[in-house]
Amino acid sequence: MNDKDIMEGILLTTKGVCDLYMHGSIESATPNVHQAFSTALNDALCMENSIYKQMSDHGWYTAQQAQPQSIQQVKQKFSAMG
């Protein structure tokens, strides 16, 4: 297993943790529990961003630029819903 594979695994795990914390925050019954999940979510999102940046710096995670036409289509789709 190489470094790229390890980082991909860590990134996927971190994304899963973010999902769990988000749902915990949404479903929390008390302000204290909500705050705990929200804080954990923020920390996990910062960690995910750091991992993404490291992978991007190594060329292991490249983002594709959105085409202006695609952006406009999405804007039109959601403006029509309002």
PDB file of N, CA and C in Angstrom:
ATOM      1  N   MET A   1       0.855  -1.172   0.000  1.00  0.00           N
ATOM      2  CA  MET A   1       0.000   0.000   0.000  1.00  0.00           C
ATOM      3  C   MET A   1       0.905   1.241   0.000  1.00  0.00           C
ATOM      4  N   ASN A   2       0.653   2.165  -0.922  1.00  0.00           N
ATOM      5  CA  ASN A   2       1.483   3.356  -1.006  1.00  0.00           C
ATOM      6  C   ASN A   2       0.844   4.541  -0.256  1.00  0.00           C
ATOM      7  N   ASP A   3       1.563   5.646  -0.185  1.00  0.00           N
ATOM      8  CA  ASP A   3       1.089   6.815   0.557  1.00  0.00           C
ATOM      9  C   ASP A   3      -0.232   7.347   0.017  1.00  0.00           C
ATOM     10  N   LYS A   4      -0.378   7.341  -1.304  1.00  0.00           N
ATOM     11  CA  LYS A   4      -1.624   7.832  -1.907  1.00  0.00           C
ATOM     12  C   LYS A   4      -2.809   6.996  -1.437  1.00  0.00           C
ATOM     13  N   ASP A   5      -2.674   5.696  -1.451  1.00  0.00           N
ATOM     14  CA  ASP A   5      -3.758   4.810  -1.005  1.00  0.00           C
ATOM     15  C   ASP A   5      -4.097   5.040   0.467  1.00  0.00           C
ATOM     16  N   ILE A   6      -3.073   5.233   1.275  1.00  0.00           N
ATOM     17  CA  ILE A   6      -3.293   5.486   2.709  1.00  0.00           C
ATOM     18  C   ILE A   6      -4.056   6.792   2.897  1.00  0.00           C
ATOM     19  N   MET A   7      -3.613   7.824   2.179  1.00  0.00           N
ATOM     20  CA  MET A   7      -4.285   9.126   2.300  1.00  0.00           C
ATOM     21  C   MET A   7      -5.720   9.065   1.790  1.00  0.00           C
ATOM     22  N   GLU A   8      -5.970   8.325   0.728  1.00  0.00           N
ATOM     23  CA  GLU A   8      -7.341   8.166   0.235  1.00  0.00           C
ATOM     24  C   GLU A   8      -8.217   7.497   1.289  1.00  0.00           C
ATOM     25  N   GLY A   9      -7.670   6.495   1.957  1.00  0.00           N
ATOM     26  CA  GLY A   9      -8.421   5.822   3.020  1.00  0.00           C
ATOM     27  C   GLY A   9      -8.719   6.747   4.178  1.00  0.00           C
ATOM     28  N   ILE A  10      -7.742   7.536   4.553  1.00  0.00           N
ATOM     29  CA  ILE A  10      -7.940   8.499   5.652  1.00  0.00           C
ATOM     30  C   ILE A  10      -8.981   9.544   5.250  1.00  0.00           C
ATOM     31  N   LEU A  11      -8.892  10.023   4.008  1.00  0.00           N
ATOM     32  CA  LEU A  11      -9.860  11.023   3.544  1.00  0.00           C
ATOM     33  C   LEU A  11     -11.275  10.453   3.541  1.00  0.00           C
ATOM     34  N   LEU A  12     -11.448   9.261   3.029  1.00  0.00           N
ATOM     35  CA  LEU A  12     -12.782   8.642   3.003  1.00  0.00           C
ATOM     36  C   LEU A  12     -13.321   8.428   4.412  1.00  0.00           C
ATOM     37  N   THR A  13     -12.470   7.999   5.314  1.00  0.00           N
ATOM     38  CA  THR A  13     -12.895   7.803   6.702  1.00  0.00           C
ATOM     39  C   THR A  13     -13.303   9.126   7.334  1.00  0.00           C
ATOM     40  N   THR A  14     -12.519  10.149   7.088  1.00  0.00           N
ATOM     41  CA  THR A  14     -12.821  11.466   7.641  1.00  0.00           C
ATOM     42  C   THR A  14     -14.127  12.008   7.082  1.00  0.00           C
ATOM     43  N   LYS A  15     -14.370  11.809   5.805  1.00  0.00           N
ATOM     44  CA  LYS A  15     -15.649  12.229   5.218  1.00  0.00           C
ATOM     45  C   LYS A  15     -16.811  11.491   5.875  1.00  0.00           C
ATOM     46  N   GLY A  16     -16.634  10.209   6.158  1.00  0.00           N
ATOM     47  CA  GLY A  16     -17.675   9.432   6.834  1.00  0.00           C
ATOM     48  C   GLY A  16     -17.936   9.944   8.236  1.00  0.00           C
ATOM     49  N   VAL A  17     -16.871  10.313   8.935  1.00  0.00           N
ATOM     50  CA  VAL A  17     -17.016  10.877  10.279  1.00  0.00           C
ATOM     51  C   VAL A  17     -17.785  12.193  10.207  1.00  0.00           C
ATOM     52  N   CYS A  18     -17.461  13.024   9.214  1.00  0.00           N
ATOM     53  CA  CYS A  18     -18.185  14.294   9.040  1.00  0.00           C
ATOM     54  C   CYS A  18     -19.681  14.043   8.855  1.00  0.00           C
ATOM     55  N   ASP A  19     -20.005  13.052   8.056  1.00  0.00           N
ATOM     56  CA  ASP A  19     -21.409  12.706   7.825  1.00  0.00           C
ATOM     57  C   ASP A  19     -22.096  12.289   9.128  1.00  0.00           C
ATOM     58  N   LEU A  20     -21.427  11.471   9.909  1.00  0.00           N
ATOM     59  CA  LEU A  20     -22.006  11.029  11.183  1.00  0.00           C
ATOM     60  C   LEU A  20     -22.199  12.197  12.150  1.00  0.00           C
ATOM     61  N   TYR A  21     -21.204  13.066  12.247  1.00  0.00           N
ATOM     62  CA  TYR A  21     -21.317  14.229  13.142  1.00  0.00           C
ATOM     63  C   TYR A  21     -22.410  15.179  12.675  1.00  0.00           C
ATOM     64  N   MET A  22     -22.555  15.354  11.359  1.00  0.00           N
ATOM     65  CA  MET A  22     -23.603  16.223  10.850  1.00  0.00           C
ATOM     66  C   MET A  22     -24.974  15.682  11.241  1.00  0.00           C
ATOM     67  N   HIS A  23     -25.183  14.382  11.049  1.00  0.00           N
ATOM     68  CA  HIS A  23     -26.470  13.792  11.412  1.00  0.00           C
ATOM     69  C   HIS A  23     -26.681  13.825  12.923  1.00  0.00           C
ATOM     70  N   GLY A  24     -25.618  13.634  13.696  1.00  0.00           N
ATOM     71  CA  GLY A  24     -25.740  13.742  15.143  1.00  0.00           C
ATOM     72  C   GLY A  24     -26.168  15.133  15.552  1.00  0.00           C
ATOM     73  N   SER A  25     -25.619  16.127  14.892  1.00  0.00           N
ATOM     74  CA  SER A  25     -25.986  17.514  15.192  1.00  0.00           C
ATOM     75  C   SER A  25     -27.441  17.786  14.816  1.00  0.00           C
ATOM     76  N   ILE A  26     -27.831  17.336  13.642  1.00  0.00           N
ATOM     77  CA  ILE A  26     -29.208  17.558  13.182  1.00  0.00           C
ATOM     78  C   ILE A  26     -30.218  16.874  14.102  1.00  0.00           C
ATOM     79  N   GLU A  27     -29.911  15.671  14.538  1.00  0.00           N
ATOM     80  CA  GLU A  27     -30.850  14.870  15.313  1.00  0.00           C
ATOM     81  C   GLU A  27     -30.733  15.056  16.825  1.00  0.00           C
ATOM     82  N   SER A  28     -29.822  15.906  17.269  1.00  0.00           N
ATOM     83  CA  SER A  28     -29.606  16.045  18.715  1.00  0.00           C
ATOM     84  C   SER A  28     -30.835  16.636  19.403  1.00  0.00           C
ATOM     85  N   ALA A  29     -31.079  16.146  20.603  1.00  0.00           N
ATOM     86  CA  ALA A  29     -32.292  16.533  21.337  1.00  0.00           C
ATOM     87  C   ALA A  29     -32.060  17.683  22.304  1.00  0.00           C
ATOM     88  N   THR A  30     -30.823  17.946  22.656  1.00  0.00           N
ATOM     89  CA  THR A  30     -30.553  19.003  23.629  1.00  0.00           C
ATOM     90  C   THR A  30     -29.472  19.948  23.089  1.00  0.00           C
ATOM     91  N   PRO A  31     -29.459  21.181  23.577  1.00  0.00           N
ATOM     92  CA  PRO A  31     -28.433  22.136  23.120  1.00  0.00           C
ATOM     93  C   PRO A  31     -27.004  21.655  23.392  1.00  0.00           C
ATOM     94  N   ASN A  32     -26.784  21.000  24.522  1.00  0.00           N
ATOM     95  CA  ASN A  32     -25.439  20.528  24.847  1.00  0.00           C
ATOM     96  C   ASN A  32     -24.973  19.456  23.866  1.00  0.00           C
ATOM     97  N   VAL A  33     -25.850  18.535  23.541  1.00  0.00           N
ATOM     98  CA  VAL A  33     -25.503  17.475  22.591  1.00  0.00           C
ATOM     99  C   VAL A  33     -25.298  18.082  21.201  1.00  0.00           C
ATOM    100  N   HIS A  34     -26.169  19.005  20.831  1.00  0.00           N
ATOM    101  CA  HIS A  34     -26.035  19.678  19.542  1.00  0.00           C
ATOM    102  C   HIS A  34     -24.683  20.385  19.446  1.00  0.00           C
ATOM    103  N   GLN A  35     -24.310  21.098  20.486  1.00  0.00           N
ATOM    104  CA  GLN A  35     -23.038  21.815  20.492  1.00  0.00           C
ATOM    105  C   GLN A  35     -21.854  20.855  20.400  1.00  0.00           C
ATOM    106  N   ALA A  36     -21.939  19.747  21.105  1.00  0.00           N
ATOM    107  CA  ALA A  36     -20.851  18.762  21.066  1.00  0.00           C
ATOM    108  C   ALA A  36     -20.671  18.213  19.650  1.00  0.00           C
ATOM    109  N   PHE A  37     -21.771  17.852  19.002  1.00  0.00           N
ATOM    110  CA  PHE A  37     -21.684  17.345  17.635  1.00  0.00           C
ATOM    111  C   PHE A  37     -21.230  18.430  16.663  1.00  0.00           C
ATOM    112  N   SER A  38     -21.722  19.646  16.841  1.00  0.00           N
ATOM    113  CA  SER A  38     -21.335  20.747  15.957  1.00  0.00           C
ATOM    114  C   SER A  38     -19.839  21.042  16.062  1.00  0.00           C
ATOM    115  N   THR A  39     -19.329  21.035  17.275  1.00  0.00           N
ATOM    116  CA  THR A  39     -17.897  21.269  17.479  1.00  0.00           C
ATOM    117  C   THR A  39     -17.082  20.146  16.852  1.00  0.00           C
ATOM    118  N   ALA A  40     -17.514  18.907  17.081  1.00  0.00           N
ATOM    119  CA  ALA A  40     -16.816  17.760  16.497  1.00  0.00           C
ATOM    120  C   ALA A  40     -16.867  17.822  14.973  1.00  0.00           C
ATOM    121  N   LEU A  41     -18.007  18.231  14.408  1.00  0.00           N
ATOM    122  CA  LEU A  41     -18.143  18.355  12.959  1.00  0.00           C
ATOM    123  C   LEU A  41     -17.168  19.397  12.422  1.00  0.00           C
ATOM    124  N   ASN A  42     -17.102  20.546  13.066  1.00  0.00           N
ATOM    125  CA  ASN A  42     -16.195  21.590  12.613  1.00  0.00           C
ATOM    126  C   ASN A  42     -14.746  21.103  12.639  1.00  0.00           C
ATOM    127  N   ASP A  43     -14.370  20.427  13.716  1.00  0.00           N
ATOM    128  CA  ASP A  43     -13.011  19.885  13.822  1.00  0.00           C
ATOM    129  C   ASP A  43     -12.736  18.868  12.705  1.00  0.00           C
ATOM    130  N   ALA A  44     -13.703  18.014  12.444  1.00  0.00           N
ATOM    131  CA  ALA A  44     -13.536  16.990  11.400  1.00  0.00           C
ATOM    132  C   ALA A  44     -13.471  17.626  10.011  1.00  0.00           C
ATOM    133  N   LEU A  45     -14.256  18.690   9.779  1.00  0.00           N
ATOM    134  CA  LEU A  45     -14.201  19.378   8.496  1.00  0.00           C
ATOM    135  C   LEU A  45     -12.844  20.037   8.280  1.00  0.00           C
ATOM    136  N   CYS A  46     -12.287  20.611   9.337  1.00  0.00           N
ATOM    137  CA  CYS A  46     -10.939  21.195   9.242  1.00  0.00           C
ATOM    138  C   CYS A  46      -9.915  20.111   8.926  1.00  0.00           C
ATOM    139  N   MET A  47     -10.061  18.948   9.552  1.00  0.00           N
ATOM    140  CA  MET A  47      -9.154  17.840   9.301  1.00  0.00           C
ATOM    141  C   MET A  47      -9.298  17.358   7.856  1.00  0.00           C
ATOM    142  N   GLU A  48     -10.519  17.236   7.390  1.00  0.00           N
ATOM    143  CA  GLU A  48     -10.766  16.791   6.016  1.00  0.00           C
ATOM    144  C   GLU A  48     -10.137  17.759   5.030  1.00  0.00           C
ATOM    145  N   ASN A  49     -10.268  19.049   5.285  1.00  0.00           N
ATOM    146  CA  ASN A  49      -9.700  20.061   4.402  1.00  0.00           C
ATOM    147  C   ASN A  49      -8.172  19.968   4.371  1.00  0.00           C
ATOM    148  N   SER A  50      -7.583  19.742   5.512  1.00  0.00           N
ATOM    149  CA  SER A  50      -6.127  19.595   5.597  1.00  0.00           C
ATOM    150  C   SER A  50      -5.651  18.377   4.806  1.00  0.00           C
ATOM    151  N   ILE A  51      -6.363  17.283   4.934  1.00  0.00           N
ATOM    152  CA  ILE A  51      -6.012  16.063   4.200  1.00  0.00           C
ATOM    153  C   ILE A  51      -6.150  16.308   2.698  1.00  0.00           C
ATOM    154  N   TYR A  52      -7.259  16.941   2.304  1.00  0.00           N
ATOM    155  CA  TYR A  52      -7.466  17.249   0.886  1.00  0.00           C
ATOM    156  C   TYR A  52      -6.316  18.106   0.353  1.00  0.00           C
ATOM    157  N   LYS A  53      -5.934  19.147   1.096  1.00  0.00           N
ATOM    158  CA  LYS A  53      -4.852  20.027   0.642  1.00  0.00           C
ATOM    159  C   LYS A  53      -3.548  19.255   0.470  1.00  0.00           C
ATOM    160  N   GLN A  54      -3.239  18.374   1.405  1.00  0.00           N
ATOM    161  CA  GLN A  54      -2.023  17.581   1.299  1.00  0.00           C
ATOM    162  C   GLN A  54      -2.055  16.690   0.057  1.00  0.00           C
ATOM    163  N   MET A  55      -3.213  16.073  -0.173  1.00  0.00           N
ATOM    164  CA  MET A  55      -3.342  15.209  -1.351  1.00  0.00           C
ATOM    165  C   MET A  55      -3.245  16.028  -2.638  1.00  0.00           C
ATOM    166  N   SER A  56      -3.882  17.185  -2.639  1.00  0.00           N
ATOM    167  CA  SER A  56      -3.840  18.055  -3.812  1.00  0.00           C
ATOM    168  C   SER A  56      -2.418  18.528  -4.095  1.00  0.00           C
ATOM    169  N   ASP A  57      -1.690  18.868  -3.042  1.00  0.00           N
ATOM    170  CA  ASP A  57      -0.303  19.315  -3.205  1.00  0.00           C
ATOM    171  C   ASP A  57       0.574  18.237  -3.836  1.00  0.00           C
ATOM    172  N   HIS A  58       0.233  16.978  -3.586  1.00  0.00           N
ATOM    173  CA  HIS A  58       0.994  15.865  -4.159  1.00  0.00           C
ATOM    174  C   HIS A  58       0.454  15.435  -5.532  1.00  0.00           C
ATOM    175  N   GLY A  59      -0.635  16.067  -5.969  1.00  0.00           N
ATOM    176  CA  GLY A  59      -1.240  15.695  -7.244  1.00  0.00           C
ATOM    177  C   GLY A  59      -2.085  14.441  -7.166  1.00  0.00           C
ATOM    178  N   TRP A  60      -2.464  14.042  -5.952  1.00  0.00           N
ATOM    179  CA  TRP A  60      -3.234  12.814  -5.748  1.00  0.00           C
ATOM    180  C   TRP A  60      -4.746  13.050  -5.774  1.00  0.00           C
ATOM    181  N   TYR A  61      -5.167  14.283  -5.751  1.00  0.00           N
ATOM    182  CA  TYR A  61      -6.596  14.608  -5.737  1.00  0.00           C
ATOM    183  C   TYR A  61      -6.753  15.880  -6.549  1.00  0.00           C
ATOM    184  N   THR A  62      -7.175  15.731  -7.752  1.00  0.00           N
ATOM    185  CA  THR A  62      -7.322  16.898  -8.609  1.00  0.00           C
ATOM    186  C   THR A  62      -8.794  17.208  -8.819  1.00  0.00           C
ATOM    187  N   ALA A  63      -9.104  18.471  -8.714  1.00  0.00           N
ATOM    188  CA  ALA A  63     -10.474  18.927  -8.934  1.00  0.00           C
ATOM    189  C   ALA A  63     -10.594  19.428 -10.363  1.00  0.00           C
ATOM    190  N   GLN A  64     -11.686  19.103 -10.978  1.00  0.00           N
ATOM    191  CA  GLN A  64     -11.915  19.542 -12.347  1.00  0.00           C
ATOM    192  C   GLN A  64     -12.657  20.876 -12.314  1.00  0.00           C
ATOM    193  N   GLN A  65     -12.202  21.822 -13.112  1.00  0.00           N
ATOM    194  CA  GLN A  65     -12.845  23.125 -13.195  1.00  0.00           C
ATOM    195  C   GLN A  65     -14.226  22.968 -13.810  1.00  0.00           C
ATOM    196  N   ALA A  66     -15.225  23.595 -13.180  1.00  0.00           N
ATOM    197  CA  ALA A  66     -16.578  23.572 -13.730  1.00  0.00           C
ATOM    198  C   ALA A  66     -16.656  24.507 -14.929  1.00  0.00           C
ATOM    199  N   GLN A  67     -17.324  24.066 -15.950  1.00  0.00           N
ATOM    200  CA  GLN A  67     -17.504  24.869 -17.153  1.00  0.00           C
ATOM    201  C   GLN A  67     -18.581  25.923 -16.898  1.00  0.00           C
ATOM    202  N   PRO A  68     -18.391  27.154 -17.382  1.00  0.00           N
ATOM    203  CA  PRO A  68     -19.391  28.217 -17.171  1.00  0.00           C
ATOM    204  C   PRO A  68     -20.793  27.802 -17.613  1.00  0.00           C
ATOM    205  N   GLN A  69     -20.891  27.037 -18.683  1.00  0.00           N
ATOM    206  CA  GLN A  69     -22.202  26.588 -19.168  1.00  0.00           C
ATOM    207  C   GLN A  69     -22.879  25.689 -18.133  1.00  0.00           C
ATOM    208  N   SER A  70     -22.119  24.806 -17.501  1.00  0.00           N
ATOM    209  CA  SER A  70     -22.675  23.917 -16.476  1.00  0.00           C
ATOM    210  C   SER A  70     -23.136  24.704 -15.263  1.00  0.00           C
ATOM    211  N   ILE A  71     -22.361  25.699 -14.884  1.00  0.00           N
ATOM    212  CA  ILE A  71     -22.729  26.544 -13.742  1.00  0.00           C
ATOM    213  C   ILE A  71     -24.034  27.274 -14.037  1.00  0.00           C
ATOM    214  N   GLN A  72     -24.148  27.815 -15.237  1.00  0.00           N
ATOM    215  CA  GLN A  72     -25.356  28.538 -15.620  1.00  0.00           C
ATOM    216  C   GLN A  72     -26.576  27.615 -15.622  1.00  0.00           C
ATOM    217  N   GLN A  73     -26.412  26.384 -16.078  1.00  0.00           N
ATOM    218  CA  GLN A  73     -27.524  25.430 -16.099  1.00  0.00           C
ATOM    219  C   GLN A  73     -28.016  25.140 -14.682  1.00  0.00           C
ATOM    220  N   VAL A  74     -27.095  24.978 -13.752  1.00  0.00           N
ATOM    221  CA  VAL A  74     -27.473  24.717 -12.368  1.00  0.00           C
ATOM    222  C   VAL A  74     -28.178  25.930 -11.772  1.00  0.00           C
ATOM    223  N   LYS A  75     -27.667  27.118 -12.049  1.00  0.00           N
ATOM    224  CA  LYS A  75     -28.306  28.345 -11.562  1.00  0.00           C
ATOM    225  C   LYS A  75     -29.745  28.434 -12.065  1.00  0.00           C
ATOM    226  N   GLN A  76     -29.931  28.165 -13.355  1.00  0.00           N
ATOM    227  CA  GLN A  76     -31.263  28.226 -13.932  1.00  0.00           C
ATOM    228  C   GLN A  76     -32.192  27.197 -13.308  1.00  0.00           C
ATOM    229  N   LYS A  77     -31.675  26.028 -13.078  1.00  0.00           N
ATOM    230  CA  LYS A  77     -32.479  24.959 -12.479  1.00  0.00           C
ATOM    231  C   LYS A  77     -33.004  25.368 -11.106  1.00  0.00           C
ATOM    232  N   PHE A  78     -32.118  25.915 -10.275  1.00  0.00           N
ATOM    233  CA  PHE A  78     -32.530  26.249  -8.919  1.00  0.00           C
ATOM    234  C   PHE A  78     -33.294  27.569  -8.838  1.00  0.00           C
ATOM    235  N   SER A  79     -33.058  28.477  -9.752  1.00  0.00           N
ATOM    236  CA  SER A  79     -33.839  29.715  -9.750  1.00  0.00           C
ATOM    237  C   SER A  79     -35.272  29.448 -10.180  1.00  0.00           C
ATOM    238  N   ALA A  80     -35.469  28.445 -11.014  1.00  0.00           N
ATOM    239  CA  ALA A  80     -36.813  28.065 -11.446  1.00  0.00           C
ATOM    240  C   ALA A  80     -37.619  27.434 -10.323  1.00  0.00           C
ATOM    241  N   MET A  81     -36.928  26.895  -9.308  1.00  0.00           N
ATOM    242  CA  MET A  81     -37.611  26.248  -8.193  1.00  0.00           C
ATOM    243  C   MET A  81     -38.198  27.275  -7.215  1.00  0.00           C
ATOM    244  N   GLY A  82     -37.660  28.471  -7.197  1.00  0.00           N
ATOM    245  CA  GLY A  82     -38.042  29.495  -6.220  1.00  0.00           C
ATOM    246  C   GLY A  82     -39.273  30.183  -6.559  1.00  0.00           C
TER     247      GLY A  82
END
